[in-house]
Amino acid sequence: MPEYRIEFQIQRRDDADDEDDFTEIGFGSSGGCGSLDDAVYAIESDLGNGQWETEPGQPDPDEILDEIRKARA
């Protein structure tokens, strides 16, 4: 039976007027899953819970989730 994995990169464009490009702020993978639906579910869960990888200099996932919550309020 085949396995599926979705790899992703999270990018953000800052509000600065001179910011023309997006900057990577995180990345991750669904891991091996038995179906595409399972891989999508894994990604959705990871993103919703701030469970992605970061490199030095990238914001902490909790900071990003706080920004999103504030923007929705």
PDB file of N, CA and C in Angstrom:
ATOM      1  N   MET A   1       0.849  -1.188   0.000  1.00  0.00           N
ATOM      2  CA  MET A   1       0.000   0.000   0.000  1.00  0.00           C
ATOM      3  C   MET A   1       0.890   1.246   0.000  1.00  0.00           C
ATOM      4  N   PRO A   2       0.593   2.215  -0.851  1.00  0.00           N
ATOM      5  CA  PRO A   2       1.439   3.412  -0.909  1.00  0.00           C
ATOM      6  C   PRO A   2       1.278   4.283   0.331  1.00  0.00           C
ATOM      7  N   GLU A   3       2.333   5.046   0.600  1.00  0.00           N
ATOM      8  CA  GLU A   3       2.286   6.058   1.658  1.00  0.00           C
ATOM      9  C   GLU A   3       2.411   7.431   1.004  1.00  0.00           C
ATOM     10  N   TYR A   4       1.893   8.411   1.687  1.00  0.00           N
ATOM     11  CA  TYR A   4       1.922   9.785   1.192  1.00  0.00           C
ATOM     12  C   TYR A   4       2.526  10.690   2.257  1.00  0.00           C
ATOM     13  N   ARG A   5       3.235  11.703   1.786  1.00  0.00           N
ATOM     14  CA  ARG A   5       3.794  12.703   2.697  1.00  0.00           C
ATOM     15  C   ARG A   5       3.665  14.066   2.024  1.00  0.00           C
ATOM     16  N   ILE A   6       3.219  15.038   2.788  1.00  0.00           N
ATOM     17  CA  ILE A   6       3.152  16.419   2.301  1.00  0.00           C
ATOM     18  C   ILE A   6       4.219  17.213   3.044  1.00  0.00           C
ATOM     19  N   GLU A   7       5.097  17.857   2.297  1.00  0.00           N
ATOM     20  CA  GLU A   7       6.092  18.743   2.884  1.00  0.00           C
ATOM     21  C   GLU A   7       5.629  20.172   2.643  1.00  0.00           C
ATOM     22  N   PHE A   8       5.852  21.035   3.626  1.00  0.00           N
ATOM     23  CA  PHE A   8       5.375  22.409   3.473  1.00  0.00           C
ATOM     24  C   PHE A   8       6.396  23.409   3.974  1.00  0.00           C
ATOM     25  N   GLN A   9       6.233  24.624   3.484  1.00  0.00           N
ATOM     26  CA  GLN A   9       7.034  25.766   3.901  1.00  0.00           C
ATOM     27  C   GLN A   9       6.053  26.894   4.209  1.00  0.00           C
ATOM     28  N   ILE A  10       6.246  27.553   5.337  1.00  0.00           N
ATOM     29  CA  ILE A  10       5.399  28.681   5.718  1.00  0.00           C
ATOM     30  C   ILE A  10       6.182  29.957   5.438  1.00  0.00           C
ATOM     31  N   GLN A  11       5.563  30.859   4.709  1.00  0.00           N
ATOM     32  CA  GLN A  11       6.190  32.132   4.384  1.00  0.00           C
ATOM     33  C   GLN A  11       5.274  33.275   4.784  1.00  0.00           C
ATOM     34  N   ARG A  12       5.891  34.415   5.102  1.00  0.00           N
ATOM     35  CA  ARG A  12       5.127  35.599   5.505  1.00  0.00           C
ATOM     36  C   ARG A  12       5.732  36.820   4.823  1.00  0.00           C
ATOM     37  N   ARG A  13       4.852  37.733   4.409  1.00  0.00           N
ATOM     38  CA  ARG A  13       5.313  39.027   3.905  1.00  0.00           C
ATOM     39  C   ARG A  13       4.987  40.046   4.979  1.00  0.00           C
ATOM     40  N   ASP A  14       5.990  40.791   5.404  1.00  0.00           N
ATOM     41  CA  ASP A  14       5.787  41.797   6.442  1.00  0.00           C
ATOM     42  C   ASP A  14       5.020  42.986   5.891  1.00  0.00           C
ATOM     43  N   ASP A  15       4.482  43.788   6.798  1.00  0.00           N
ATOM     44  CA  ASP A  15       3.664  44.939   6.427  1.00  0.00           C
ATOM     45  C   ASP A  15       4.461  46.101   5.847  1.00  0.00           C
ATOM     46  N   ALA A  16       5.769  46.054   5.947  1.00  0.00           N
ATOM     47  CA  ALA A  16       6.590  47.171   5.471  1.00  0.00           C
ATOM     48  C   ALA A  16       6.321  47.439   3.994  1.00  0.00           C
ATOM     49  N   ASP A  17       6.228  48.715   3.650  1.00  0.00           N
ATOM     50  CA  ASP A  17       5.926  49.098   2.268  1.00  0.00           C
ATOM     51  C   ASP A  17       6.976  48.606   1.281  1.00  0.00           C
ATOM     52  N   ASP A  18       8.222  48.491   1.733  1.00  0.00           N
ATOM     53  CA  ASP A  18       9.294  48.081   0.828  1.00  0.00           C
ATOM     54  C   ASP A  18       9.465  46.562   0.780  1.00  0.00           C
ATOM     55  N   GLU A  19       8.613  45.838   1.444  1.00  0.00           N
ATOM     56  CA  GLU A  19       8.718  44.378   1.478  1.00  0.00           C
ATOM     57  C   GLU A  19       7.979  43.789   0.279  1.00  0.00           C
ATOM     58  N   ASP A  20       8.733  43.361  -0.723  1.00  0.00           N
ATOM     59  CA  ASP A  20       8.146  42.809  -1.940  1.00  0.00           C
ATOM     60  C   ASP A  20       8.116  41.287  -1.950  1.00  0.00           C
ATOM     61  N   ASP A  21       8.855  40.676  -1.055  1.00  0.00           N
ATOM     62  CA  ASP A  21       8.988  39.231  -1.105  1.00  0.00           C
ATOM     63  C   ASP A  21       8.539  38.602   0.205  1.00  0.00           C
ATOM     64  N   PHE A  22       8.242  37.342   0.144  1.00  0.00           N
ATOM     65  CA  PHE A  22       7.888  36.576   1.332  1.00  0.00           C
ATOM     66  C   PHE A  22       9.155  36.004   1.958  1.00  0.00           C
ATOM     67  N   THR A  23       9.143  35.841   3.281  1.00  0.00           N
ATOM     68  CA  THR A  23      10.258  35.282   4.022  1.00  0.00           C
ATOM     69  C   THR A  23       9.799  34.009   4.712  1.00  0.00           C
ATOM     70  N   GLU A  24      10.614  32.968   4.627  1.00  0.00           N
ATOM     71  CA  GLU A  24      10.269  31.708   5.282  1.00  0.00           C
ATOM     72  C   GLU A  24      10.287  31.882   6.795  1.00  0.00           C
ATOM     73  N   ILE A  25       9.236  31.398   7.457  1.00  0.00           N
ATOM     74  CA  ILE A  25       9.165  31.463   8.915  1.00  0.00           C
ATOM     75  C   ILE A  25       8.991  30.083   9.538  1.00  0.00           C
ATOM     76  N   GLY A  26       8.920  29.041   8.718  1.00  0.00           N
ATOM     77  CA  GLY A  26       8.795  27.693   9.250  1.00  0.00           C
ATOM     78  C   GLY A  26       8.593  26.678   8.142  1.00  0.00           C
ATOM     79  N   PHE A  27       8.671  25.403   8.526  1.00  0.00           N
ATOM     80  CA  PHE A  27       8.535  24.332   7.551  1.00  0.00           C
ATOM     81  C   PHE A  27       8.186  23.045   8.281  1.00  0.00           C
ATOM     82  N   GLY A  28       7.790  22.039   7.537  1.00  0.00           N
ATOM     83  CA  GLY A  28       7.466  20.766   8.164  1.00  0.00           C
ATOM     84  C   GLY A  28       7.007  19.728   7.167  1.00  0.00           C
ATOM     85  N   SER A  29       6.513  18.623   7.711  1.00  0.00           N
ATOM     86  CA  SER A  29       6.074  17.494   6.908  1.00  0.00           C
ATOM     87  C   SER A  29       4.979  16.749   7.646  1.00  0.00           C
ATOM     88  N   SER A  30       4.100  16.137   6.884  1.00  0.00           N
ATOM     89  CA  SER A  30       3.036  15.337   7.496  1.00  0.00           C
ATOM     90  C   SER A  30       3.562  14.022   8.045  1.00  0.00           C
ATOM     91  N   GLY A  31       4.746  13.613   7.606  1.00  0.00           N
ATOM     92  CA  GLY A  31       5.220  12.272   7.911  1.00  0.00           C
ATOM     93  C   GLY A  31       4.516  11.290   6.986  1.00  0.00           C
ATOM     94  N   GLY A  32       4.874  10.034   7.057  1.00  0.00           N
ATOM     95  CA  GLY A  32       4.258   9.024   6.201  1.00  0.00           C
ATOM     96  C   GLY A  32       2.830   8.733   6.618  1.00  0.00           C
ATOM     97  N   CYS A  33       1.906   8.798   5.660  1.00  0.00           N
ATOM     98  CA  CYS A  33       0.486   8.570   5.937  1.00  0.00           C
ATOM     99  C   CYS A  33      -0.090   7.603   4.903  1.00  0.00           C
ATOM    100  N   GLY A  34      -1.100   6.855   5.302  1.00  0.00           N
ATOM    101  CA  GLY A  34      -1.710   5.865   4.434  1.00  0.00           C
ATOM    102  C   GLY A  34      -2.615   6.425   3.362  1.00  0.00           C
ATOM    103  N   SER A  35      -3.009   7.696   3.478  1.00  0.00           N
ATOM    104  CA  SER A  35      -3.856   8.319   2.459  1.00  0.00           C
ATOM    105  C   SER A  35      -3.567   9.814   2.418  1.00  0.00           C
ATOM    106  N   LEU A  36      -3.981  10.445   1.333  1.00  0.00           N
ATOM    107  CA  LEU A  36      -3.831  11.899   1.250  1.00  0.00           C
ATOM    108  C   LEU A  36      -4.669  12.591   2.315  1.00  0.00           C
ATOM    109  N   ASP A  37      -5.863  12.064   2.581  1.00  0.00           N
ATOM    110  CA  ASP A  37      -6.707  12.648   3.630  1.00  0.00           C
ATOM    111  C   ASP A  37      -5.990  12.637   4.973  1.00  0.00           C
ATOM    112  N   ASP A  38      -5.306  11.536   5.285  1.00  0.00           N
ATOM    113  CA  ASP A  38      -4.563  11.452   6.544  1.00  0.00           C
ATOM    114  C   ASP A  38      -3.414  12.461   6.573  1.00  0.00           C
ATOM    115  N   ALA A  39      -2.736  12.638   5.443  1.00  0.00           N
ATOM    116  CA  ALA A  39      -1.633  13.600   5.376  1.00  0.00           C
ATOM    117  C   ALA A  39      -2.148  15.027   5.555  1.00  0.00           C
ATOM    118  N   VAL A  40      -3.272  15.345   4.919  1.00  0.00           N
ATOM    119  CA  VAL A  40      -3.873  16.673   5.071  1.00  0.00           C
ATOM    120  C   VAL A  40      -4.290  16.897   6.519  1.00  0.00           C
ATOM    121  N   TYR A  41      -4.883  15.900   7.143  1.00  0.00           N
ATOM    122  CA  TYR A  41      -5.301  16.011   8.542  1.00  0.00           C
ATOM    123  C   TYR A  41      -4.091  16.279   9.437  1.00  0.00           C
ATOM    124  N   ALA A  42      -2.989  15.567   9.188  1.00  0.00           N
ATOM    125  CA  ALA A  42      -1.778  15.758   9.993  1.00  0.00           C
ATOM    126  C   ALA A  42      -1.251  17.179   9.855  1.00  0.00           C
ATOM    127  N   ILE A  43      -1.221  17.693   8.624  1.00  0.00           N
ATOM    128  CA  ILE A  43      -0.749  19.060   8.391  1.00  0.00           C
ATOM    129  C   ILE A  43      -1.668  20.070   9.071  1.00  0.00           C
ATOM    130  N   GLU A  44      -2.968  19.889   8.903  1.00  0.00           N
ATOM    131  CA  GLU A  44      -3.938  20.808   9.513  1.00  0.00           C
ATOM    132  C   GLU A  44      -3.770  20.845  11.030  1.00  0.00           C
ATOM    133  N   SER A  45      -3.590  19.686  11.625  1.00  0.00           N
ATOM    134  CA  SER A  45      -3.406  19.604  13.073  1.00  0.00           C
ATOM    135  C   SER A  45      -2.109  20.291  13.498  1.00  0.00           C
ATOM    136  N   ASP A  46      -1.025  20.003  12.779  1.00  0.00           N
ATOM    137  CA  ASP A  46       0.264  20.612  13.118  1.00  0.00           C
ATOM    138  C   ASP A  46       0.210  22.132  13.006  1.00  0.00           C
ATOM    139  N   LEU A  47      -0.361  22.643  11.925  1.00  0.00           N
ATOM    140  CA  LEU A  47      -0.432  24.094  11.746  1.00  0.00           C
ATOM    141  C   LEU A  47      -1.315  24.751  12.798  1.00  0.00           C
ATOM    142  N   GLY A  48      -2.439  24.139  13.096  1.00  0.00           N
ATOM    143  CA  GLY A  48      -3.357  24.693  14.085  1.00  0.00           C
ATOM    144  C   GLY A  48      -2.794  24.716  15.490  1.00  0.00           C
ATOM    145  N   ASN A  49      -1.833  23.827  15.750  1.00  0.00           N
ATOM    146  CA  ASN A  49      -1.243  23.727  17.083  1.00  0.00           C
ATOM    147  C   ASN A  49       0.180  24.268  17.154  1.00  0.00           C
ATOM    148  N   GLY A  50       0.639  24.915  16.088  1.00  0.00           N
ATOM    149  CA  GLY A  50       1.986  25.495  16.092  1.00  0.00           C
ATOM    150  C   GLY A  50       3.088  24.461  16.127  1.00  0.00           C
ATOM    151  N   GLN A  51       2.851  23.320  15.519  1.00  0.00           N
ATOM    152  CA  GLN A  51       3.827  22.230  15.531  1.00  0.00           C
ATOM    153  C   GLN A  51       4.580  22.168  14.203  1.00  0.00           C
ATOM    154  N   TRP A  52       5.445  23.165  13.964  1.00  0.00           N
ATOM    155  CA  TRP A  52       6.280  23.123  12.777  1.00  0.00           C
ATOM    156  C   TRP A  52       7.700  23.464  13.164  1.00  0.00           C
ATOM    157  N   GLU A  53       8.619  23.174  12.277  1.00  0.00           N
ATOM    158  CA  GLU A  53      10.041  23.387  12.523  1.00  0.00           C
ATOM    159  C   GLU A  53      10.415  24.829  12.214  1.00  0.00           C
ATOM    160  N   THR A  54      11.427  25.320  12.909  1.00  0.00           N
ATOM    161  CA  THR A  54      11.973  26.647  12.631  1.00  0.00           C
ATOM    162  C   THR A  54      13.489  26.575  12.624  1.00  0.00           C
ATOM    163  N   GLU A  55      14.091  27.522  11.957  1.00  0.00           N
ATOM    164  CA  GLU A  55      15.541  27.697  11.936  1.00  0.00           C
ATOM    165  C   GLU A  55      15.879  28.877  12.846  1.00  0.00           C
ATOM    166  N   PRO A  56      17.141  28.994  13.267  1.00  0.00           N
ATOM    167  CA  PRO A  56      17.522  30.167  14.053  1.00  0.00           C
ATOM    168  C   PRO A  56      17.155  31.458  13.316  1.00  0.00           C
ATOM    169  N   GLY A  57      16.594  32.402  14.055  1.00  0.00           N
ATOM    170  CA  GLY A  57      16.182  33.677  13.487  1.00  0.00           C
ATOM    171  C   GLY A  57      14.736  33.711  13.028  1.00  0.00           C
ATOM    172  N   GLN A  58      14.094  32.546  12.949  1.00  0.00           N
ATOM    173  CA  GLN A  58      12.679  32.509  12.579  1.00  0.00           C
ATOM    174  C   GLN A  58      11.842  32.625  13.845  1.00  0.00           C
ATOM    175  N   PRO A  59      10.663  33.246  13.743  1.00  0.00           N
ATOM    176  CA  PRO A  59       9.831  33.420  14.936  1.00  0.00           C
ATOM    177  C   PRO A  59       9.324  32.088  15.477  1.00  0.00           C
ATOM    178  N   ASP A  60       9.112  32.064  16.773  1.00  0.00           N
ATOM    179  CA  ASP A  60       8.541  30.890  17.422  1.00  0.00           C
ATOM    180  C   ASP A  60       7.109  30.692  16.923  1.00  0.00           C
ATOM    181  N   PRO A  61       6.692  29.447  16.695  1.00  0.00           N
ATOM    182  CA  PRO A  61       5.318  29.210  16.239  1.00  0.00           C
ATOM    183  C   PRO A  61       4.250  29.849  17.126  1.00  0.00           C
ATOM    184  N   ASP A  62       4.472  29.890  18.435  1.00  0.00           N
ATOM    185  CA  ASP A  62       3.494  30.515  19.329  1.00  0.00           C
ATOM    186  C   ASP A  62       3.320  32.003  19.025  1.00  0.00           C
ATOM    187  N   GLU A  63       4.413  32.680  18.641  1.00  0.00           N
ATOM    188  CA  GLU A  63       4.317  34.092  18.264  1.00  0.00           C
ATOM    189  C   GLU A  63       3.428  34.260  17.033  1.00  0.00           C
ATOM    190  N   ILE A  64       3.579  33.372  16.072  1.00  0.00           N
ATOM    191  CA  ILE A  64       2.776  33.440  14.850  1.00  0.00           C
ATOM    192  C   ILE A  64       1.311  33.193  15.167  1.00  0.00           C
ATOM    193  N   LEU A  65       1.028  32.184  15.979  1.00  0.00           N
ATOM    194  CA  LEU A  65      -0.360  31.891  16.342  1.00  0.00           C
ATOM    195  C   LEU A  65      -0.982  33.055  17.101  1.00  0.00           C
ATOM    196  N   ASP A  66      -0.201  33.721  17.976  1.00  0.00           N
ATOM    197  CA  ASP A  66      -0.710  34.900  18.690  1.00  0.00           C
ATOM    198  C   ASP A  66      -1.042  36.032  17.716  1.00  0.00           C
ATOM    199  N   GLU A  67      -0.182  36.249  16.708  1.00  0.00           N
ATOM    200  CA  GLU A  67      -0.452  37.280  15.699  1.00  0.00           C
ATOM    201  C   GLU A  67      -1.760  36.988  14.969  1.00  0.00           C
ATOM    202  N   ILE A  68      -1.971  35.730  14.622  1.00  0.00           N
ATOM    203  CA  ILE A  68      -3.191  35.341  13.903  1.00  0.00           C
ATOM    204  C   ILE A  68      -4.416  35.564  14.778  1.00  0.00           C
ATOM    205  N   ARG A  69      -4.326  35.169  16.047  1.00  0.00           N
ATOM    206  CA  ARG A  69      -5.463  35.357  16.967  1.00  0.00           C
ATOM    207  C   ARG A  69      -5.797  36.835  17.129  1.00  0.00           C
ATOM    208  N   LYS A  70      -4.771  37.676  17.272  1.00  0.00           N
ATOM    209  CA  LYS A  70      -4.997  39.115  17.428  1.00  0.00           C
ATOM    210  C   LYS A  70      -5.624  39.710  16.174  1.00  0.00           C
ATOM    211  N   ALA A  71      -5.198  39.250  15.011  1.00  0.00           N
ATOM    212  CA  ALA A  71      -5.745  39.770  13.760  1.00  0.00           C
ATOM    213  C   ALA A  71      -7.214  39.392  13.592  1.00  0.00           C
ATOM    214  N   ARG A  72      -7.615  38.270  14.155  1.00  0.00           N
ATOM    215  CA  ARG A  72      -9.004  37.813  14.041  1.00  0.00           C
ATOM    216  C   ARG A  72      -9.922  38.483  15.051  1.00  0.00           C
ATOM    217  N   ALA A  73      -9.340  39.052  16.108  1.00  0.00           N
ATOM    218  CA  ALA A  73     -10.151  39.650  17.187  1.00  0.00           C
ATOM    219  C   ALA A  73     -10.743  40.982  16.790  1.00  0.00           C
TER     220      ALA A  73
END
